[in-house]
């Protein structure tokens, strides 16, 4: 997971002026298993904490060497925005503009990241961005109550939440029982900024079999997941079918 994070986040230039990763992302510091990230020319700070045994220095050196071998240009050691990053920003105004439009949502979600752990029944959460929409897919195991109302209420709380409102939803919680336990049920909620249409968030609350490996709980235990949380979201046997779970 540490390697995956660096692969997706750290900026580098491949062919032409295309920059992959996050423009301006830099390494602020490494303190034990904590990787401090910042944005060039800002005071921002984000800490990614690795599991015990994570060696960020080794991963960074390996990633740098791999990119050089591929004749790509790693950019995260530049003290300021590089010329390649600035050229990329000018050359892809729509893409980079959409990223800026949704930045407020990312900042707000990071400050409330614990809600996904404390206020959700999901054992796995994934997300991706499509244009100006940020999509979240949360999986809750069959037999566990699909409590999406708690997460949404706290996320949109008028005092401690974000300036969000539900603009559209389709809930299947009261639908007839599923015919087979292989099927999944999904409740979809679309949220937008309270003061206007600036970008949006979509939450897909899925309910069905634990679908990320028959030993999903054991894998999460090895990663150091909290036992109390596991007892709540993946109690007992977690028979599943494919892949790995992520806390």
C-alpha atoms as a PDB file:
ATOM      1  CA  UNK A   1       0.000   0.000   0.000  1.00  0.00           C
ATOM      2  CA  UNK A   2       2.902   2.375   0.684  1.00  0.00           C
ATOM      3  CA  UNK A   3       4.314   1.705  -2.780  1.00  0.00           C
ATOM      4  CA  UNK A   4       0.836   2.111  -4.318  1.00  0.00           C
ATOM      5  CA  UNK A   5       0.420   5.490  -2.621  1.00  0.00           C
ATOM      6  CA  UNK A   6       3.740   6.793  -3.929  1.00  0.00           C
ATOM      7  CA  UNK A   7       3.038   5.412  -7.397  1.00  0.00           C
ATOM      8  CA  UNK A   8      -0.246   7.297  -7.611  1.00  0.00           C
ATOM      9  CA  UNK A   9       0.608  10.519  -5.789  1.00  0.00           C
ATOM     10  CA  UNK A  10       4.174  11.586  -6.604  1.00  0.00           C
ATOM     11  CA  UNK A  11       4.478  13.752  -9.737  1.00  0.00           C
ATOM     12  CA  UNK A  12       6.587  12.774 -12.710  1.00  0.00           C
ATOM     13  CA  UNK A  13       6.689  13.682 -16.386  1.00  0.00           C
ATOM     14  CA  UNK A  14       6.538  10.934 -18.970  1.00  0.00           C
ATOM     15  CA  UNK A  15       6.010  11.624 -22.670  1.00  0.00           C
ATOM     16  CA  UNK A  16       5.769  15.191 -23.895  1.00  0.00           C
ATOM     17  CA  UNK A  17       4.616  17.519 -21.127  1.00  0.00           C
ATOM     18  CA  UNK A  18       2.098  15.172 -19.525  1.00  0.00           C
ATOM     19  CA  UNK A  19       2.582  15.073 -15.753  1.00  0.00           C
ATOM     20  CA  UNK A  20       1.186  12.156 -13.801  1.00  0.00           C
ATOM     21  CA  UNK A  21       0.545  12.301 -10.069  1.00  0.00           C
ATOM     22  CA  UNK A  22      -0.331  15.417  -8.079  1.00  0.00           C
ATOM     23  CA  UNK A  23       1.088  18.657  -9.440  1.00  0.00           C
ATOM     24  CA  UNK A  24       3.383  20.297  -6.902  1.00  0.00           C
ATOM     25  CA  UNK A  25       3.311  17.439  -4.395  1.00  0.00           C
ATOM     26  CA  UNK A  26       6.535  17.320  -2.399  1.00  0.00           C
ATOM     27  CA  UNK A  27       8.081  15.357   0.475  1.00  0.00           C
ATOM     28  CA  UNK A  28       8.059  17.583   3.544  1.00  0.00           C
ATOM     29  CA  UNK A  29       9.667  15.143   5.961  1.00  0.00           C
ATOM     30  CA  UNK A  30       9.935  11.506   6.970  1.00  0.00           C
ATOM     31  CA  UNK A  31       9.565  10.800  10.669  1.00  0.00           C
ATOM     32  CA  UNK A  32       9.597   7.111  11.462  1.00  0.00           C
ATOM     33  CA  UNK A  33       6.731   5.569   9.538  1.00  0.00           C
ATOM     34  CA  UNK A  34       5.075   8.961   8.939  1.00  0.00           C
ATOM     35  CA  UNK A  35       5.457  10.474   5.483  1.00  0.00           C
ATOM     36  CA  UNK A  36       4.818  14.233   5.524  1.00  0.00           C
ATOM     37  CA  UNK A  37       3.567  15.583   2.200  1.00  0.00           C
ATOM     38  CA  UNK A  38       3.226  19.223   1.215  1.00  0.00           C
ATOM     39  CA  UNK A  39       2.451  21.297  -1.867  1.00  0.00           C
ATOM     40  CA  UNK A  40       5.204  23.407  -3.358  1.00  0.00           C
ATOM     41  CA  UNK A  41       5.021  27.075  -2.429  1.00  0.00           C
ATOM     42  CA  UNK A  42       2.400  26.467   0.291  1.00  0.00           C
ATOM     43  CA  UNK A  43       2.322  25.692   4.014  1.00  0.00           C
ATOM     44  CA  UNK A  44      -0.009  22.699   3.588  1.00  0.00           C
ATOM     45  CA  UNK A  45       0.822  19.414   5.287  1.00  0.00           C
ATOM     46  CA  UNK A  46      -0.621  15.910   4.998  1.00  0.00           C
ATOM     47  CA  UNK A  47       0.721  12.918   6.920  1.00  0.00           C
ATOM     48  CA  UNK A  48       0.458   9.366   5.615  1.00  0.00           C
ATOM     49  CA  UNK A  49       1.197   6.836   8.342  1.00  0.00           C
ATOM     50  CA  UNK A  50       2.580   3.491   7.219  1.00  0.00           C
ATOM     51  CA  UNK A  51       2.117   0.189   9.003  1.00  0.00           C
ATOM     52  CA  UNK A  52       4.957  -0.970  11.271  1.00  0.00           C
ATOM     53  CA  UNK A  53       8.019  -1.738   9.176  1.00  0.00           C
ATOM     54  CA  UNK A  54       7.273   0.808   6.436  1.00  0.00           C
ATOM     55  CA  UNK A  55      10.507   2.316   5.112  1.00  0.00           C
ATOM     56  CA  UNK A  56       9.542   5.371   3.086  1.00  0.00           C
ATOM     57  CA  UNK A  57      13.151   6.198   2.202  1.00  0.00           C
ATOM     58  CA  UNK A  58      13.609   2.843   0.445  1.00  0.00           C
ATOM     59  CA  UNK A  59      10.328   3.163  -1.425  1.00  0.00           C
ATOM     60  CA  UNK A  60      11.188   6.690  -2.575  1.00  0.00           C
ATOM     61  CA  UNK A  61      14.626   5.660  -3.839  1.00  0.00           C
ATOM     62  CA  UNK A  62      13.179   2.646  -5.677  1.00  0.00           C
ATOM     63  CA  UNK A  63      10.433   4.755  -7.257  1.00  0.00           C
ATOM     64  CA  UNK A  64      12.960   7.370  -8.394  1.00  0.00           C
ATOM     65  CA  UNK A  65      15.264   4.748  -9.950  1.00  0.00           C
ATOM     66  CA  UNK A  66      12.351   3.024 -11.714  1.00  0.00           C
ATOM     67  CA  UNK A  67      11.221   6.262 -13.322  1.00  0.00           C
ATOM     68  CA  UNK A  68      14.730   7.149 -14.453  1.00  0.00           C
ATOM     69  CA  UNK A  69      15.079   3.719 -16.057  1.00  0.00           C
ATOM     70  CA  UNK A  70      11.805   4.371 -17.910  1.00  0.00           C
ATOM     71  CA  UNK A  71      13.209   7.730 -19.079  1.00  0.00           C
ATOM     72  CA  UNK A  72      10.593   9.618 -17.091  1.00  0.00           C
ATOM     73  CA  UNK A  73      11.423  12.701 -15.026  1.00  0.00           C
ATOM     74  CA  UNK A  74      10.658  12.520 -11.257  1.00  0.00           C
ATOM     75  CA  UNK A  75       9.604  15.955 -10.030  1.00  0.00           C
ATOM     76  CA  UNK A  76       9.057  15.692  -6.290  1.00  0.00           C
ATOM     77  CA  UNK A  77      12.546  16.904  -5.317  1.00  0.00           C
ATOM     78  CA  UNK A  78      12.104  20.286  -6.981  1.00  0.00           C
ATOM     79  CA  UNK A  79      11.753  22.957  -4.251  1.00  0.00           C
ATOM     80  CA  UNK A  80       9.144  24.867  -6.272  1.00  0.00           C
ATOM     81  CA  UNK A  81       6.767  24.138  -9.133  1.00  0.00           C
ATOM     82  CA  UNK A  82       8.815  22.831 -12.018  1.00  0.00           C
ATOM     83  CA  UNK A  83       8.579  24.152 -15.559  1.00  0.00           C
ATOM     84  CA  UNK A  84       7.060  20.830 -16.647  1.00  0.00           C
ATOM     85  CA  UNK A  85       4.284  21.137 -14.057  1.00  0.00           C
ATOM     86  CA  UNK A  86       3.503  24.713 -15.072  1.00  0.00           C
ATOM     87  CA  UNK A  87       3.423  23.751 -18.757  1.00  0.00           C
ATOM     88  CA  UNK A  88       1.116  20.838 -17.987  1.00  0.00           C
ATOM     89  CA  UNK A  89      -1.249  23.143 -16.100  1.00  0.00           C
ATOM     90  CA  UNK A  90      -1.392  25.550 -19.031  1.00  0.00           C
ATOM     91  CA  UNK A  91      -1.836  22.762 -21.584  1.00  0.00           C
ATOM     92  CA  UNK A  92      -4.754  21.013 -19.800  1.00  0.00           C
ATOM     93  CA  UNK A  93      -6.888  23.874 -18.441  1.00  0.00           C
ATOM     94  CA  UNK A  94     -10.141  21.892 -18.291  1.00  0.00           C
ATOM     95  CA  UNK A  95      -8.669  18.932 -16.402  1.00  0.00           C
ATOM     96  CA  UNK A  96      -6.641  21.056 -14.012  1.00  0.00           C
ATOM     97  CA  UNK A  97      -9.564  23.442 -13.591  1.00  0.00           C
ATOM     98  CA  UNK A  98     -11.849  20.573 -12.558  1.00  0.00           C
ATOM     99  CA  UNK A  99      -9.261  19.466 -10.001  1.00  0.00           C
ATOM    100  CA  UNK A 100      -9.214  22.955  -8.481  1.00  0.00           C
ATOM    101  CA  UNK A 101     -13.019  23.112  -8.450  1.00  0.00           C
ATOM    102  CA  UNK A 102     -13.167  19.990  -6.296  1.00  0.00           C
ATOM    103  CA  UNK A 103     -10.229  20.868  -4.038  1.00  0.00           C
ATOM    104  CA  UNK A 104     -12.506  22.295  -1.326  1.00  0.00           C
ATOM    105  CA  UNK A 105     -14.220  18.900  -1.057  1.00  0.00           C
ATOM    106  CA  UNK A 106     -10.910  17.090  -0.673  1.00  0.00           C
ATOM    107  CA  UNK A 107      -9.762  19.475   2.044  1.00  0.00           C
ATOM    108  CA  UNK A 108     -13.034  19.084   3.929  1.00  0.00           C
ATOM    109  CA  UNK A 109     -13.052  15.297   3.658  1.00  0.00           C
ATOM    110  CA  UNK A 110      -9.462  14.996   4.874  1.00  0.00           C
ATOM    111  CA  UNK A 111     -10.377  16.979   7.981  1.00  0.00           C
ATOM    112  CA  UNK A 112     -13.237  14.557   8.594  1.00  0.00           C
ATOM    113  CA  UNK A 113     -11.581  11.351   7.404  1.00  0.00           C
ATOM    114  CA  UNK A 114     -12.356   9.599  10.715  1.00  0.00           C
ATOM    115  CA  UNK A 115     -16.066   9.642   9.830  1.00  0.00           C
ATOM    116  CA  UNK A 116     -15.495   6.838   7.328  1.00  0.00           C
ATOM    117  CA  UNK A 117     -14.112   4.733  10.175  1.00  0.00           C
ATOM    118  CA  UNK A 118     -16.380   5.724  13.045  1.00  0.00           C
ATOM    119  CA  UNK A 119     -19.709   6.540  11.362  1.00  0.00           C
ATOM    120  CA  UNK A 120     -20.002   3.875   8.706  1.00  0.00           C
ATOM    121  CA  UNK A 121     -20.687   0.142   8.695  1.00  0.00           C
ATOM    122  CA  UNK A 122     -18.455  -0.322   5.634  1.00  0.00           C
ATOM    123  CA  UNK A 123     -15.369  -2.549   5.815  1.00  0.00           C
ATOM    124  CA  UNK A 124     -14.038  -1.188   2.515  1.00  0.00           C
ATOM    125  CA  UNK A 125     -14.117   2.298   1.017  1.00  0.00           C
ATOM    126  CA  UNK A 126     -12.874   3.250  -2.452  1.00  0.00           C
ATOM    127  CA  UNK A 127     -13.092   6.521  -4.328  1.00  0.00           C
ATOM    128  CA  UNK A 128     -12.202   8.057  -7.647  1.00  0.00           C
ATOM    129  CA  UNK A 129     -12.804  11.346  -9.462  1.00  0.00           C
ATOM    130  CA  UNK A 130     -14.679  11.584 -12.752  1.00  0.00           C
ATOM    131  CA  UNK A 131     -14.617  15.097 -14.135  1.00  0.00           C
ATOM    132  CA  UNK A 132     -15.948  17.346 -11.371  1.00  0.00           C
ATOM    133  CA  UNK A 133     -17.640  14.508  -9.477  1.00  0.00           C
ATOM    134  CA  UNK A 134     -16.027  12.567  -6.641  1.00  0.00           C
ATOM    135  CA  UNK A 135     -17.453   9.061  -6.324  1.00  0.00           C
ATOM    136  CA  UNK A 136     -17.245   6.950  -3.163  1.00  0.00           C
ATOM    137  CA  UNK A 137     -18.105   3.261  -3.013  1.00  0.00           C
ATOM    138  CA  UNK A 138     -18.593   1.818   0.486  1.00  0.00           C
ATOM    139  CA  UNK A 139     -19.138  -1.918   0.990  1.00  0.00           C
ATOM    140  CA  UNK A 140     -21.029  -3.289   3.999  1.00  0.00           C
ATOM    141  CA  UNK A 141     -21.177  -7.007   4.582  1.00  0.00           C
ATOM    142  CA  UNK A 142     -24.481  -8.872   4.331  1.00  0.00           C
ATOM    143  CA  UNK A 143     -25.943  -9.268   7.804  1.00  0.00           C
ATOM    144  CA  UNK A 144     -24.629  -5.894   9.050  1.00  0.00           C
ATOM    145  CA  UNK A 145     -27.076  -2.996   9.108  1.00  0.00           C
ATOM    146  CA  UNK A 146     -26.418  -0.594   6.237  1.00  0.00           C
ATOM    147  CA  UNK A 147     -26.308   2.594   8.292  1.00  0.00           C
ATOM    148  CA  UNK A 148     -25.710   5.249   5.674  1.00  0.00           C
ATOM    149  CA  UNK A 149     -27.868   7.860   7.421  1.00  0.00           C
ATOM    150  CA  UNK A 150     -25.362   8.338  10.266  1.00  0.00           C
ATOM    151  CA  UNK A 151     -22.434   9.068   7.948  1.00  0.00           C
ATOM    152  CA  UNK A 152     -24.451  11.428   5.763  1.00  0.00           C
ATOM    153  CA  UNK A 153     -25.924  13.274   8.747  1.00  0.00           C
ATOM    154  CA  UNK A 154     -22.498  13.912  10.262  1.00  0.00           C
ATOM    155  CA  UNK A 155     -20.956  14.815   6.924  1.00  0.00           C
ATOM    156  CA  UNK A 156     -23.667  17.443   6.288  1.00  0.00           C
ATOM    157  CA  UNK A 157     -24.012  18.635   9.900  1.00  0.00           C
ATOM    158  CA  UNK A 158     -24.621  22.428   9.857  1.00  0.00           C
ATOM    159  CA  UNK A 159     -21.950  23.062  12.506  1.00  0.00           C
ATOM    160  CA  UNK A 160     -19.255  20.364  12.209  1.00  0.00           C
ATOM    161  CA  UNK A 161     -19.959  19.029   8.737  1.00  0.00           C
ATOM    162  CA  UNK A 162     -19.257  20.323   5.242  1.00  0.00           C
ATOM    163  CA  UNK A 163     -21.406  22.776   3.235  1.00  0.00           C
ATOM    164  CA  UNK A 164     -23.207  19.936   1.464  1.00  0.00           C
ATOM    165  CA  UNK A 165     -26.793  19.035   0.704  1.00  0.00           C
ATOM    166  CA  UNK A 166     -28.363  15.885  -0.718  1.00  0.00           C
ATOM    167  CA  UNK A 167     -29.759  16.714  -4.149  1.00  0.00           C
ATOM    168  CA  UNK A 168     -30.727  13.223  -5.286  1.00  0.00           C
ATOM    169  CA  UNK A 169     -30.931   9.752  -3.779  1.00  0.00           C
ATOM    170  CA  UNK A 170     -32.182   6.236  -4.374  1.00  0.00           C
ATOM    171  CA  UNK A 171     -32.446   4.027  -1.285  1.00  0.00           C
ATOM    172  CA  UNK A 172     -33.067   0.261  -1.521  1.00  0.00           C
ATOM    173  CA  UNK A 173     -33.015  -0.553   2.195  1.00  0.00           C
ATOM    174  CA  UNK A 174     -36.776  -1.257   2.255  1.00  0.00           C
ATOM    175  CA  UNK A 175     -36.789  -3.319  -0.948  1.00  0.00           C
ATOM    176  CA  UNK A 176     -37.777  -7.028  -0.786  1.00  0.00           C
ATOM    177  CA  UNK A 177     -35.042  -9.474   0.320  1.00  0.00           C
ATOM    178  CA  UNK A 178     -32.440 -10.363  -2.283  1.00  0.00           C
ATOM    179  CA  UNK A 179     -33.105 -13.616  -4.129  1.00  0.00           C
ATOM    180  CA  UNK A 180     -29.519 -14.847  -3.762  1.00  0.00           C
ATOM    181  CA  UNK A 181     -26.657 -13.850  -1.497  1.00  0.00           C
ATOM    182  CA  UNK A 182     -24.441 -13.306  -4.547  1.00  0.00           C
ATOM    183  CA  UNK A 183     -26.470 -10.212  -5.423  1.00  0.00           C
ATOM    184  CA  UNK A 184     -25.645  -6.797  -4.009  1.00  0.00           C
ATOM    185  CA  UNK A 185     -27.932  -3.963  -2.984  1.00  0.00           C
ATOM    186  CA  UNK A 186     -26.921  -0.336  -3.471  1.00  0.00           C
ATOM    187  CA  UNK A 187     -28.186   2.960  -2.091  1.00  0.00           C
ATOM    188  CA  UNK A 188     -26.953   5.980  -4.042  1.00  0.00           C
ATOM    189  CA  UNK A 189     -26.777   9.535  -2.701  1.00  0.00           C
ATOM    190  CA  UNK A 190     -25.651  12.579  -4.666  1.00  0.00           C
ATOM    191  CA  UNK A 191     -24.513  15.671  -2.779  1.00  0.00           C
ATOM    192  CA  UNK A 192     -23.667  19.176  -3.947  1.00  0.00           C
ATOM    193  CA  UNK A 193     -22.326  22.352  -2.370  1.00  0.00           C
ATOM    194  CA  UNK A 194     -25.012  24.063  -0.288  1.00  0.00           C
ATOM    195  CA  UNK A 195     -24.508  27.423  -2.008  1.00  0.00           C
ATOM    196  CA  UNK A 196     -24.343  26.266  -5.608  1.00  0.00           C
ATOM    197  CA  UNK A 197     -23.625  23.540  -8.141  1.00  0.00           C
ATOM    198  CA  UNK A 198     -19.830  23.528  -7.713  1.00  0.00           C
ATOM    199  CA  UNK A 199     -18.853  19.906  -8.354  1.00  0.00           C
ATOM    200  CA  UNK A 200     -20.490  17.105  -6.434  1.00  0.00           C
ATOM    201  CA  UNK A 201     -20.039  13.966  -4.375  1.00  0.00           C
ATOM    202  CA  UNK A 202     -21.688  10.630  -5.025  1.00  0.00           C
ATOM    203  CA  UNK A 203     -21.859   7.968  -2.344  1.00  0.00           C
ATOM    204  CA  UNK A 204     -22.645   4.393  -3.312  1.00  0.00           C
ATOM    205  CA  UNK A 205     -23.491   2.345  -0.224  1.00  0.00           C
ATOM    206  CA  UNK A 206     -23.305  -1.315  -1.260  1.00  0.00           C
ATOM    207  CA  UNK A 207     -24.606  -4.231   0.787  1.00  0.00           C
ATOM    208  CA  UNK A 208     -23.844  -7.896   0.137  1.00  0.00           C
ATOM    209  CA  UNK A 209     -21.245 -10.613   0.535  1.00  0.00           C
ATOM    210  CA  UNK A 210     -17.791  -9.708   1.797  1.00  0.00           C
ATOM    211  CA  UNK A 211     -16.248  -9.601  -1.647  1.00  0.00           C
ATOM    212  CA  UNK A 212     -12.545  -9.009  -1.076  1.00  0.00           C
ATOM    213  CA  UNK A 213     -11.096 -12.372  -0.189  1.00  0.00           C
ATOM    214  CA  UNK A 214     -12.030 -15.232   2.096  1.00  0.00           C
ATOM    215  CA  UNK A 215      -9.393 -14.075   4.587  1.00  0.00           C
ATOM    216  CA  UNK A 216     -10.292 -10.379   4.481  1.00  0.00           C
ATOM    217  CA  UNK A 217     -10.376 -10.034   8.254  1.00  0.00           C
ATOM    218  CA  UNK A 218      -7.024 -11.786   8.690  1.00  0.00           C
ATOM    219  CA  UNK A 219      -5.452  -9.524   6.078  1.00  0.00           C
ATOM    220  CA  UNK A 220      -6.741  -6.442   7.869  1.00  0.00           C
ATOM    221  CA  UNK A 221      -5.537  -7.759  11.220  1.00  0.00           C
ATOM    222  CA  UNK A 222      -2.042  -8.187   9.767  1.00  0.00           C
ATOM    223  CA  UNK A 223      -2.178  -4.553   8.626  1.00  0.00           C
ATOM    224  CA  UNK A 224      -2.886  -3.477  12.190  1.00  0.00           C
ATOM    225  CA  UNK A 225      -6.599  -2.675  11.838  1.00  0.00           C
ATOM    226  CA  UNK A 226      -8.397  -1.919  15.091  1.00  0.00           C
ATOM    227  CA  UNK A 227      -9.968  -5.091  16.515  1.00  0.00           C
ATOM    228  CA  UNK A 228     -13.031  -3.243  17.798  1.00  0.00           C
ATOM    229  CA  UNK A 229     -13.687  -1.871  14.314  1.00  0.00           C
ATOM    230  CA  UNK A 230     -13.237  -5.335  12.775  1.00  0.00           C
ATOM    231  CA  UNK A 231     -15.688  -6.837  15.263  1.00  0.00           C
ATOM    232  CA  UNK A 232     -18.216  -4.260  14.115  1.00  0.00           C
ATOM    233  CA  UNK A 233     -17.806  -4.394  10.328  1.00  0.00           C
ATOM    234  CA  UNK A 234     -16.467  -7.931   9.749  1.00  0.00           C
ATOM    235  CA  UNK A 235     -17.591 -10.087  12.658  1.00  0.00           C
ATOM    236  CA  UNK A 236     -16.979 -13.836  12.485  1.00  0.00           C
ATOM    237  CA  UNK A 237     -16.302 -15.595   9.196  1.00  0.00           C
ATOM    238  CA  UNK A 238     -15.871 -13.232   6.207  1.00  0.00           C
ATOM    239  CA  UNK A 239     -16.275 -15.668   3.354  1.00  0.00           C
ATOM    240  CA  UNK A 240     -15.794 -13.765   0.112  1.00  0.00           C
ATOM    241  CA  UNK A 241     -14.645 -14.208  -3.448  1.00  0.00           C
ATOM    242  CA  UNK A 242     -11.918 -11.942  -4.772  1.00  0.00           C
ATOM    243  CA  UNK A 243      -9.156  -9.438  -4.097  1.00  0.00           C
ATOM    244  CA  UNK A 244      -8.206  -7.782  -0.823  1.00  0.00           C
ATOM    245  CA  UNK A 245      -9.965  -5.458   1.540  1.00  0.00           C
ATOM    246  CA  UNK A 246      -8.706  -2.014   2.487  1.00  0.00           C
ATOM    247  CA  UNK A 247      -9.581  -0.367   5.799  1.00  0.00           C
END
